[in-house]
N, C-alpha and C. Protein backbone atom coordinates (compact mmCIF):
# COMPACT_ATOMS: atom_id res chain seq x y z
N UNK A 1 -145.14 8.03 31.01
CA UNK A 1 -146.48 7.69 30.57
C UNK A 1 -146.44 7.22 29.13
N UNK A 2 -147.02 6.09 28.89
CA UNK A 2 -147.03 5.52 27.55
C UNK A 2 -148.28 5.97 26.80
N UNK A 3 -148.12 6.24 25.53
CA UNK A 3 -149.26 6.58 24.68
C UNK A 3 -149.60 5.42 23.76
N UNK A 4 -149.22 4.21 24.16
CA UNK A 4 -149.59 3.02 23.40
C UNK A 4 -151.10 2.84 23.45
N UNK A 5 -151.64 2.24 22.40
CA UNK A 5 -153.04 1.83 22.42
C UNK A 5 -153.06 0.37 22.81
N UNK A 6 -153.86 0.01 23.79
CA UNK A 6 -154.05 -1.39 24.16
C UNK A 6 -155.49 -1.73 23.84
N UNK A 7 -155.67 -2.57 22.84
CA UNK A 7 -157.00 -2.93 22.36
C UNK A 7 -157.41 -4.26 22.96
N UNK A 8 -158.66 -4.38 23.33
CA UNK A 8 -159.19 -5.66 23.78
C UNK A 8 -159.87 -6.30 22.58
N UNK A 9 -159.30 -7.42 22.15
CA UNK A 9 -159.82 -8.14 21.00
C UNK A 9 -160.64 -9.32 21.52
N UNK A 10 -161.84 -9.50 20.98
CA UNK A 10 -162.70 -10.59 21.42
C UNK A 10 -163.20 -11.38 20.22
N UNK A 11 -163.39 -12.67 20.42
CA UNK A 11 -163.99 -13.53 19.41
C UNK A 11 -165.49 -13.24 19.41
N UNK A 12 -166.06 -12.83 18.27
CA UNK A 12 -167.49 -12.50 18.25
C UNK A 12 -168.38 -13.67 18.64
N UNK A 13 -167.89 -14.89 18.44
CA UNK A 13 -168.68 -16.08 18.81
C UNK A 13 -168.52 -16.42 20.29
N UNK A 14 -167.50 -15.87 20.93
CA UNK A 14 -167.25 -16.12 22.36
C UNK A 14 -166.65 -14.85 22.97
N UNK A 15 -167.48 -13.83 23.18
CA UNK A 15 -166.97 -12.53 23.61
C UNK A 15 -166.19 -12.53 24.93
N UNK A 16 -166.35 -13.55 25.74
CA UNK A 16 -165.60 -13.61 27.00
C UNK A 16 -164.14 -13.99 26.76
N UNK A 17 -163.84 -14.54 25.59
CA UNK A 17 -162.47 -14.90 25.24
C UNK A 17 -161.80 -13.69 24.62
N UNK A 18 -160.92 -13.06 25.39
CA UNK A 18 -160.30 -11.82 24.94
C UNK A 18 -158.79 -11.95 24.88
N UNK A 19 -158.20 -11.00 24.21
CA UNK A 19 -156.76 -10.92 24.03
C UNK A 19 -156.42 -9.43 23.92
N UNK A 20 -155.29 -9.05 24.43
CA UNK A 20 -154.85 -7.66 24.32
C UNK A 20 -153.95 -7.54 23.08
N UNK A 21 -154.19 -6.49 22.29
CA UNK A 21 -153.34 -6.18 21.14
C UNK A 21 -152.82 -4.76 21.33
N UNK A 22 -151.54 -4.55 21.05
CA UNK A 22 -150.90 -3.27 21.33
C UNK A 22 -150.47 -2.57 20.05
N UNK A 23 -150.85 -1.30 19.95
CA UNK A 23 -150.35 -0.42 18.90
C UNK A 23 -149.46 0.60 19.61
N UNK A 24 -148.15 0.48 19.43
CA UNK A 24 -147.25 1.36 20.18
C UNK A 24 -147.31 2.81 19.71
N UNK A 25 -146.95 3.68 20.63
CA UNK A 25 -146.82 5.10 20.32
C UNK A 25 -145.67 5.28 19.34
N UNK A 26 -145.81 6.16 18.34
CA UNK A 26 -144.70 6.43 17.43
C UNK A 26 -143.45 6.91 18.15
N UNK A 27 -143.62 7.56 19.28
CA UNK A 27 -142.47 8.02 20.06
C UNK A 27 -141.63 6.87 20.59
N UNK A 28 -142.23 5.69 20.69
CA UNK A 28 -141.54 4.53 21.26
C UNK A 28 -140.99 3.59 20.18
N UNK A 29 -141.15 3.94 18.91
CA UNK A 29 -140.73 3.02 17.85
C UNK A 29 -139.53 3.51 17.04
N UNK A 30 -138.91 4.58 17.47
CA UNK A 30 -137.75 5.12 16.76
C UNK A 30 -136.67 4.03 16.69
N UNK A 31 -136.23 3.72 15.48
CA UNK A 31 -135.21 2.70 15.28
C UNK A 31 -135.73 1.28 15.22
N UNK A 32 -137.03 1.09 15.41
CA UNK A 32 -137.60 -0.26 15.38
C UNK A 32 -137.60 -0.81 13.96
N UNK A 33 -137.41 -2.12 13.85
CA UNK A 33 -137.33 -2.78 12.55
C UNK A 33 -138.61 -2.59 11.73
N UNK A 34 -139.76 -2.64 12.36
CA UNK A 34 -141.04 -2.57 11.64
C UNK A 34 -141.78 -1.26 11.93
N UNK A 35 -141.02 -0.18 12.11
CA UNK A 35 -141.62 1.11 12.46
C UNK A 35 -142.63 1.59 11.42
N UNK A 36 -142.33 1.41 10.16
CA UNK A 36 -143.26 1.86 9.10
C UNK A 36 -144.59 1.12 9.22
N UNK A 37 -144.54 -0.20 9.42
CA UNK A 37 -145.77 -0.99 9.56
C UNK A 37 -146.55 -0.55 10.80
N UNK A 38 -145.85 -0.32 11.91
CA UNK A 38 -146.53 0.09 13.14
C UNK A 38 -147.18 1.45 12.98
N UNK A 39 -146.52 2.36 12.24
CA UNK A 39 -147.09 3.69 11.98
C UNK A 39 -148.33 3.57 11.10
N UNK A 40 -148.28 2.71 10.09
CA UNK A 40 -149.46 2.49 9.23
C UNK A 40 -150.63 1.96 10.03
N UNK A 41 -150.37 1.02 10.93
CA UNK A 41 -151.43 0.45 11.78
C UNK A 41 -152.06 1.54 12.63
N UNK A 42 -151.23 2.35 13.24
CA UNK A 42 -151.76 3.41 14.11
C UNK A 42 -152.61 4.40 13.31
N UNK A 43 -152.15 4.77 12.13
CA UNK A 43 -152.92 5.70 11.29
C UNK A 43 -154.24 5.07 10.85
N UNK A 44 -154.22 3.80 10.46
CA UNK A 44 -155.45 3.11 10.05
C UNK A 44 -156.42 3.01 11.22
N UNK A 45 -155.89 2.70 12.40
CA UNK A 45 -156.73 2.61 13.58
C UNK A 45 -157.36 3.97 13.90
N UNK A 46 -156.56 5.03 13.86
CA UNK A 46 -157.08 6.37 14.14
C UNK A 46 -158.20 6.76 13.18
N UNK A 47 -158.03 6.44 11.89
CA UNK A 47 -159.09 6.74 10.91
C UNK A 47 -160.34 5.95 11.24
N UNK A 48 -160.20 4.68 11.57
CA UNK A 48 -161.35 3.82 11.87
C UNK A 48 -162.04 4.24 13.16
N UNK A 49 -161.26 4.67 14.15
CA UNK A 49 -161.81 5.07 15.44
C UNK A 49 -162.76 6.24 15.30
N UNK A 50 -162.51 7.11 14.34
CA UNK A 50 -163.40 8.24 14.12
C UNK A 50 -164.76 7.81 13.61
N UNK A 51 -164.86 6.59 13.10
CA UNK A 51 -166.12 6.10 12.53
C UNK A 51 -166.93 5.25 13.49
N UNK A 52 -166.24 4.38 14.27
CA UNK A 52 -166.96 3.44 15.12
C UNK A 52 -166.06 2.93 16.24
N UNK A 53 -166.68 2.50 17.31
CA UNK A 53 -165.93 2.01 18.47
C UNK A 53 -165.80 0.48 18.46
N UNK A 54 -166.74 -0.22 17.86
CA UNK A 54 -166.71 -1.67 17.78
C UNK A 54 -166.75 -2.06 16.32
N UNK A 55 -165.83 -2.91 15.91
CA UNK A 55 -165.76 -3.28 14.49
C UNK A 55 -165.12 -4.65 14.35
N UNK A 56 -165.44 -5.31 13.25
CA UNK A 56 -164.74 -6.54 12.89
C UNK A 56 -163.59 -6.15 11.98
N UNK A 57 -162.39 -6.52 12.37
CA UNK A 57 -161.21 -6.20 11.60
C UNK A 57 -160.29 -7.40 11.54
N UNK A 58 -159.37 -7.36 10.61
CA UNK A 58 -158.32 -8.37 10.50
C UNK A 58 -157.03 -7.72 10.97
N UNK A 59 -156.35 -8.39 11.90
CA UNK A 59 -155.10 -7.85 12.43
C UNK A 59 -154.00 -8.90 12.36
N UNK A 60 -152.78 -8.42 12.30
CA UNK A 60 -151.60 -9.28 12.35
C UNK A 60 -150.63 -8.63 13.33
N UNK A 61 -150.04 -9.45 14.18
CA UNK A 61 -149.10 -8.91 15.14
C UNK A 61 -148.08 -9.95 15.57
N UNK A 62 -147.20 -9.52 16.42
CA UNK A 62 -146.16 -10.38 16.96
C UNK A 62 -146.67 -10.99 18.27
N UNK A 63 -146.63 -12.31 18.37
CA UNK A 63 -147.08 -12.99 19.58
C UNK A 63 -146.08 -12.72 20.71
N UNK A 64 -146.61 -12.29 21.83
CA UNK A 64 -145.80 -11.92 22.99
C UNK A 64 -146.50 -12.46 24.23
N UNK A 65 -145.76 -12.89 25.21
CA UNK A 65 -146.35 -13.37 26.45
C UNK A 65 -146.03 -12.39 27.57
N UNK A 66 -147.07 -11.77 28.13
CA UNK A 66 -146.92 -10.75 29.17
C UNK A 66 -146.54 -11.40 30.49
N UNK A 67 -145.76 -10.66 31.26
CA UNK A 67 -145.40 -11.11 32.60
C UNK A 67 -146.60 -10.95 33.54
N UNK A 68 -146.62 -11.73 34.55
CA UNK A 68 -147.68 -11.61 35.56
C UNK A 68 -147.34 -10.49 36.52
N UNK A 69 -148.28 -9.80 37.11
CA UNK A 69 -149.72 -9.99 36.99
C UNK A 69 -150.23 -9.52 35.64
N UNK A 70 -151.24 -10.20 35.15
CA UNK A 70 -151.79 -9.90 33.84
C UNK A 70 -152.75 -8.73 33.91
N UNK A 71 -152.71 -7.86 32.89
CA UNK A 71 -153.69 -6.77 32.86
C UNK A 71 -155.09 -7.30 32.60
N UNK A 72 -156.08 -6.49 32.88
CA UNK A 72 -157.48 -6.85 32.63
C UNK A 72 -157.66 -7.25 31.17
N UNK A 73 -158.53 -8.20 30.94
CA UNK A 73 -158.90 -8.69 29.60
C UNK A 73 -157.78 -9.47 28.91
N UNK A 74 -156.74 -9.83 29.63
CA UNK A 74 -155.65 -10.61 29.04
C UNK A 74 -156.11 -12.05 28.81
N UNK A 75 -155.45 -12.70 27.88
CA UNK A 75 -155.65 -14.14 27.71
C UNK A 75 -155.12 -14.83 28.95
N UNK A 76 -155.71 -15.95 29.36
CA UNK A 76 -155.26 -16.63 30.58
C UNK A 76 -153.77 -17.00 30.57
N UNK A 77 -153.22 -17.25 29.39
CA UNK A 77 -151.80 -17.61 29.31
C UNK A 77 -150.90 -16.39 29.11
N UNK A 78 -151.47 -15.18 29.13
CA UNK A 78 -150.68 -13.96 28.99
C UNK A 78 -150.33 -13.60 27.56
N UNK A 79 -150.86 -14.35 26.58
CA UNK A 79 -150.56 -14.06 25.18
C UNK A 79 -151.13 -12.69 24.78
N UNK A 80 -150.32 -11.94 24.06
CA UNK A 80 -150.72 -10.65 23.50
C UNK A 80 -150.22 -10.57 22.06
N UNK A 81 -150.80 -9.68 21.31
CA UNK A 81 -150.23 -9.32 20.01
C UNK A 81 -149.58 -7.96 20.22
N UNK A 82 -148.25 -7.93 20.24
CA UNK A 82 -147.54 -6.70 20.56
C UNK A 82 -146.21 -6.68 19.84
N UNK A 83 -146.06 -5.86 18.85
CA UNK A 83 -146.98 -4.85 18.35
C UNK A 83 -147.84 -5.40 17.22
N UNK A 84 -148.90 -4.67 16.90
CA UNK A 84 -149.66 -4.98 15.69
C UNK A 84 -148.88 -4.48 14.49
N UNK A 85 -148.90 -5.28 13.42
CA UNK A 85 -148.17 -4.92 12.20
C UNK A 85 -149.10 -4.66 11.03
N UNK A 86 -150.37 -5.09 11.14
CA UNK A 86 -151.35 -4.74 10.12
C UNK A 86 -152.72 -4.66 10.78
N UNK A 87 -153.58 -3.82 10.20
CA UNK A 87 -154.91 -3.55 10.72
C UNK A 87 -155.77 -3.18 9.53
N UNK A 88 -156.83 -3.96 9.29
CA UNK A 88 -157.67 -3.67 8.14
C UNK A 88 -159.06 -4.22 8.29
N UNK A 89 -159.91 -3.89 7.36
CA UNK A 89 -161.29 -4.34 7.37
C UNK A 89 -161.38 -5.83 7.13
N UNK A 90 -162.34 -6.45 7.79
CA UNK A 90 -162.60 -7.87 7.56
C UNK A 90 -163.39 -8.03 6.28
N UNK A 91 -163.22 -9.16 5.65
CA UNK A 91 -163.97 -9.43 4.42
C UNK A 91 -165.28 -10.06 4.75
């Protein structure tokens, strides 16, 4: 069982256009090149989650193309941001 967070990201101007963004479980990032960044993202997300469920944020991640079948809310081409490397408030 994975404890990754899979976020559905939507364009506020076109909410039907969604993309999945993944924040991996710390248990799955041991030895990863960007483990510190992934841990910071998860901590920032956890702090923000305690305040609100829907928010405008700025994120940065690694572009990844998921294999078919695509999970719900995936981009039609299977593009995902996995893992997220930064998560912060929008200006």
